[in-house]
Amino acid sequence: MTDSTPVDKWGTYELTLLFPPFTPTGPTLSDAPAPPNDPVRARRVAESLGTVAEVVEELPSRALDDLPSPGTRDDLDVVAVGCWGGLVLVVDPALASDAVVSSMAEEIGRQRALHPDARITGAVFLDAGQEFSEYLVDLPGGPALRVGGWDDEEEWARHGDPEEILRTLDVDPAGHGEDLDLDEDPRFVDWDAFLALALGPQVTDGDRSRLRPSLFRVRRSERGAAALADVWFG
């Protein structure tokens, strides 16, 4: 049974895992051609998500920068997963979060338990009239960071120390531009660039335009269905 209830919000919701080795000893995303996607592994990753009860069907793949925004409730059950060498990227509307729902943070905790050796990041942007942004980093055996809030808030919530993240990775933010001034108001820091630094050169040098993830229609878990209802229709 289809559900054509219109969706009047849009956003981004990306979960990224990078597996060792963390130096570009193999193909990077800047290479041409890009490392091939592994569709079998991608399906296993989709099935591992706490927001997914089962994969119903595999859809024709699309370029990563050509994934459509959800227009109806049915579109919210489409999940993209790309596995390019040591890099795994998940694009799942049920991971969209707001100040109340913490779907991305919960999924990062789940993936950390499954993959203790991976570097994990999450990025959420939700336009619901007002804009909500959230950025998360979780390092293996090390520090974690969660920062974000609504665009009209005077101060964003922050848990963790971004400078500790970079120190752990032996990364000097100097030389990466004024947008990575961590003494600045968190609302004006380029957190997308920060997440790329946290993942490492394989991602920092990446060119997303040539990447084609696998695309799946899924049946939602109870948790995933509740998150969609609260964030997209609440």
Protein backbone atom coordinates (compact mmCIF):
# COMPACT_ATOMS: atom_id res chain seq x y z
CA MET A 1 0.00 0.00 0.00
CA THR A 2 1.46 3.33 -1.06
CA ASP A 3 1.43 6.54 0.95
CA SER A 4 1.54 9.70 -1.15
CA THR A 5 1.26 12.08 1.81
CA PRO A 6 3.35 15.09 0.74
CA VAL A 7 6.56 16.00 2.54
CA ASP A 8 7.05 19.74 3.09
CA LYS A 9 10.52 19.56 4.63
CA TRP A 10 13.89 18.79 3.11
CA GLY A 11 17.39 18.18 4.32
CA THR A 12 20.57 16.13 4.37
CA TYR A 13 21.28 13.17 6.64
CA GLU A 14 24.57 11.41 6.05
CA LEU A 15 26.29 8.81 8.18
CA THR A 16 29.91 8.04 7.22
CA LEU A 17 32.19 5.26 8.41
CA LEU A 18 35.86 5.05 7.50
CA PHE A 19 37.76 1.86 8.21
CA PRO A 20 41.53 1.50 8.70
CA PRO A 21 44.07 2.04 7.34
CA PHE A 22 43.35 5.77 7.72
CA THR A 23 46.08 6.91 5.32
CA PRO A 24 45.45 6.86 1.56
CA THR A 25 47.39 3.67 0.88
CA GLY A 26 44.73 2.58 -1.59
CA PRO A 27 42.39 4.40 -4.02
CA THR A 28 40.97 7.69 -2.72
CA LEU A 29 37.76 9.40 -3.73
CA SER A 30 39.77 11.90 -5.77
CA ASP A 31 41.05 9.16 -8.08
CA ALA A 32 39.53 8.67 -11.52
CA PRO A 33 37.72 6.40 -11.84
CA ALA A 34 36.35 6.29 -8.31
CA PRO A 35 36.68 3.03 -6.38
CA PRO A 36 33.75 0.77 -7.37
CA ASN A 37 30.78 0.47 -5.05
CA ASP A 38 30.27 -2.96 -3.48
CA PRO A 39 26.48 -3.56 -3.76
CA VAL A 40 26.52 -6.78 -1.70
CA ARG A 41 28.25 -5.06 1.20
CA ALA A 42 25.99 -2.03 0.75
CA ARG A 43 22.92 -4.21 1.23
CA ARG A 44 24.40 -5.69 4.42
CA VAL A 45 25.04 -2.19 5.74
CA ALA A 46 21.44 -1.15 4.98
CA GLU A 47 20.16 -4.22 6.81
CA SER A 48 22.34 -3.36 9.82
CA LEU A 49 20.74 0.05 10.37
CA GLY A 50 18.52 0.44 13.40
CA THR A 51 16.05 2.37 11.24
CA VAL A 52 15.55 -0.58 8.86
CA ALA A 53 13.60 -3.80 9.47
CA GLU A 54 14.37 -5.26 6.04
CA VAL A 55 15.40 -4.35 2.52
CA VAL A 56 12.37 -4.76 0.26
CA GLU A 57 14.01 -4.16 -3.12
CA GLU A 58 17.09 -2.74 -4.77
CA LEU A 59 16.40 0.25 -7.02
CA PRO A 60 18.46 1.52 -9.97
CA SER A 61 21.53 3.34 -8.66
CA ARG A 62 21.91 7.09 -9.05
CA ALA A 63 24.81 9.51 -8.72
CA LEU A 64 25.38 10.64 -5.16
CA ASP A 65 24.84 14.29 -6.06
CA ASP A 66 21.64 13.37 -7.94
CA LEU A 67 19.70 11.74 -5.11
CA PRO A 68 16.22 13.32 -5.04
CA SER A 69 14.72 15.03 -2.01
CA PRO A 70 11.72 13.14 -0.59
CA GLY A 71 8.45 14.41 -2.03
CA THR A 72 6.06 11.93 -0.38
CA ARG A 73 5.97 9.61 2.62
CA ASP A 74 6.93 6.67 0.39
CA ASP A 75 10.11 8.48 -0.65
CA LEU A 76 11.23 8.48 2.98
CA ASP A 77 11.67 4.70 2.77
CA VAL A 78 14.47 4.95 0.20
CA VAL A 79 17.98 4.55 1.61
CA ALA A 80 21.26 5.04 -0.28
CA VAL A 81 24.38 3.15 0.79
CA GLY A 82 27.77 3.36 -0.89
CA CYS A 83 30.78 1.18 -0.03
CA TRP A 84 33.93 2.43 -1.72
CA GLY A 85 36.94 0.61 -0.34
CA GLY A 86 37.25 1.56 3.33
CA LEU A 87 34.58 4.26 3.08
CA VAL A 88 30.90 3.60 3.81
CA LEU A 89 28.29 6.32 3.31
CA VAL A 90 24.63 6.05 4.34
CA VAL A 91 21.97 8.55 3.24
CA ASP A 92 18.80 7.77 5.21
CA PRO A 93 15.92 10.19 5.89
CA ALA A 94 15.16 8.34 9.14
CA LEU A 95 18.51 9.61 10.48
CA ALA A 96 17.32 13.22 10.26
CA SER A 97 17.24 14.72 13.72
CA ASP A 98 15.98 17.80 15.51
CA ALA A 99 16.38 19.19 19.01
CA VAL A 100 14.17 16.41 20.41
CA VAL A 101 14.79 13.38 18.17
CA SER A 102 18.38 12.06 18.22
CA SER A 103 18.25 9.50 15.42
CA MET A 104 21.75 10.19 14.07
CA ALA A 105 23.39 10.07 17.49
CA GLU A 106 21.59 6.83 18.31
CA GLU A 107 22.67 5.23 15.03
CA ILE A 108 26.27 6.27 15.54
CA GLY A 109 26.18 4.52 18.91
CA ARG A 110 24.77 1.42 17.23
CA GLN A 111 27.42 1.46 14.50
CA ARG A 112 30.17 2.03 17.05
CA ALA A 113 29.16 -1.20 18.78
CA LEU A 114 29.22 -3.03 15.44
CA HIS A 115 32.45 -1.44 14.19
CA PRO A 116 34.79 -0.51 17.06
CA ASP A 117 37.67 0.28 14.68
CA ALA A 118 35.88 2.79 12.41
CA ARG A 119 35.96 6.55 12.39
CA ILE A 120 32.32 7.65 12.30
CA THR A 121 30.74 11.00 11.45
CA GLY A 122 27.19 12.22 11.04
CA ALA A 123 25.83 15.35 9.40
CA VAL A 124 22.22 16.52 9.57
CA PHE A 125 20.53 19.55 8.07
CA LEU A 126 16.75 19.94 8.26
CA ASP A 127 14.80 22.80 6.73
CA ALA A 128 11.43 22.90 8.47
CA GLY A 129 10.75 26.60 8.02
CA GLN A 130 13.50 27.10 10.55
CA GLU A 131 16.79 25.29 9.97
CA PHE A 132 18.35 22.67 12.24
CA SER A 133 21.95 21.49 11.86
CA GLU A 134 23.90 18.85 13.74
CA TYR A 135 27.43 17.47 13.32
CA LEU A 136 28.87 14.43 15.08
CA VAL A 137 32.28 12.77 15.24
CA ASP A 138 33.05 9.51 17.04
CA LEU A 139 36.63 8.19 16.97
CA PRO A 140 37.59 4.59 17.77
CA GLY A 141 38.60 4.36 21.40
CA GLY A 142 38.81 8.13 21.57
CA PRO A 143 36.88 11.37 21.95
CA ALA A 144 33.50 12.22 20.49
CA LEU A 145 31.82 15.47 19.49
CA ARG A 146 28.22 16.52 18.97
CA VAL A 147 27.38 20.11 18.08
CA GLY A 148 24.28 21.74 16.61
CA GLY A 149 21.04 23.62 17.01
CA TRP A 150 18.40 25.73 15.31
CA ASP A 151 19.49 28.70 13.23
CA ASP A 152 17.59 31.20 15.40
CA GLU A 153 19.19 30.05 18.65
CA GLU A 154 21.77 32.33 20.22
CA GLU A 155 23.90 29.37 21.28
CA TRP A 156 24.25 25.87 19.89
CA ALA A 157 24.53 22.85 22.16
CA ARG A 158 27.97 21.26 22.16
CA HIS A 159 29.13 18.04 23.79
CA GLY A 160 32.82 17.28 23.42
CA ASP A 161 35.92 19.25 22.46
CA PRO A 162 36.65 19.72 18.72
CA GLU A 163 40.27 20.61 19.46
CA GLU A 164 40.69 17.31 21.30
CA ILE A 165 39.37 15.51 18.21
CA LEU A 166 42.02 17.15 16.04
CA ARG A 167 44.79 16.61 18.58
CA THR A 168 43.93 12.92 18.69
CA LEU A 169 44.24 12.80 14.90
CA ASP A 170 47.44 14.90 14.93
CA VAL A 171 45.73 17.48 12.71
CA ASP A 172 46.57 21.18 12.94
CA PRO A 173 43.53 23.31 11.98
CA ALA A 174 45.86 26.17 11.10
CA GLY A 175 46.15 26.49 7.36
CA HIS A 176 42.64 25.24 6.73
CA GLY A 177 41.10 28.70 6.51
CA GLU A 178 39.21 31.06 8.80
CA ASP A 179 36.09 28.91 8.53
CA LEU A 180 37.80 26.38 10.82
CA ASP A 181 38.49 28.88 13.59
CA LEU A 182 37.27 26.80 16.52
CA ASP A 183 37.27 29.86 18.77
CA GLU A 184 34.49 31.29 16.58
CA ASP A 185 30.77 31.05 17.36
CA PRO A 186 29.92 27.38 16.54
CA ARG A 187 27.18 28.54 14.19
CA PHE A 188 29.81 30.01 11.85
CA VAL A 189 32.35 27.16 11.83
CA ASP A 190 32.61 25.09 8.64
CA TRP A 191 31.68 21.81 10.32
CA ASP A 192 31.49 19.94 7.02
CA ALA A 193 35.19 20.71 6.54
CA PHE A 194 35.83 19.66 10.14
CA LEU A 195 34.14 16.29 9.56
CA ALA A 196 36.23 15.76 6.43
CA LEU A 197 39.41 16.48 8.42
CA ALA A 198 38.29 14.03 11.09
CA LEU A 199 37.81 11.28 8.52
CA GLY A 200 41.14 11.89 6.81
CA PRO A 201 42.69 12.36 3.35
CA GLN A 202 40.60 9.66 1.69
CA VAL A 203 37.56 11.86 2.21
CA THR A 204 39.11 15.34 2.39
CA ASP A 205 40.31 14.97 -1.19
CA GLY A 206 37.08 13.39 -2.35
CA ASP A 207 34.99 14.22 -5.41
CA ARG A 208 31.41 13.09 -4.78
CA SER A 209 30.15 13.81 -8.28
CA ARG A 210 31.31 10.46 -9.71
CA LEU A 211 30.08 8.24 -6.88
CA ARG A 212 27.07 5.96 -7.39
CA PRO A 213 25.74 4.34 -4.21
CA SER A 214 23.30 1.46 -4.10
CA LEU A 215 19.68 2.49 -3.61
CA PHE A 216 17.20 0.43 -1.56
CA ARG A 217 13.53 0.60 -0.69
CA VAL A 218 13.17 -0.58 2.88
CA ARG A 219 10.56 -1.56 5.42
CA ARG A 220 11.07 0.52 8.53
CA SER A 221 11.76 -0.76 11.99
CA GLU A 222 9.54 0.54 14.78
CA ARG A 223 12.30 2.97 15.72
CA GLY A 224 12.75 4.17 12.13
CA ALA A 225 9.02 4.67 11.56
CA ALA A 226 8.69 6.64 14.78
CA ALA A 227 11.65 8.87 13.86
CA LEU A 228 10.16 9.62 10.44
CA ALA A 229 6.79 10.49 11.96
CA ASP A 230 8.27 12.77 14.61
CA VAL A 231 10.79 14.63 12.45
CA TRP A 232 9.11 14.83 9.05
CA PHE A 233 5.46 15.15 10.10
CA GLY A 234 5.67 16.35 13.70
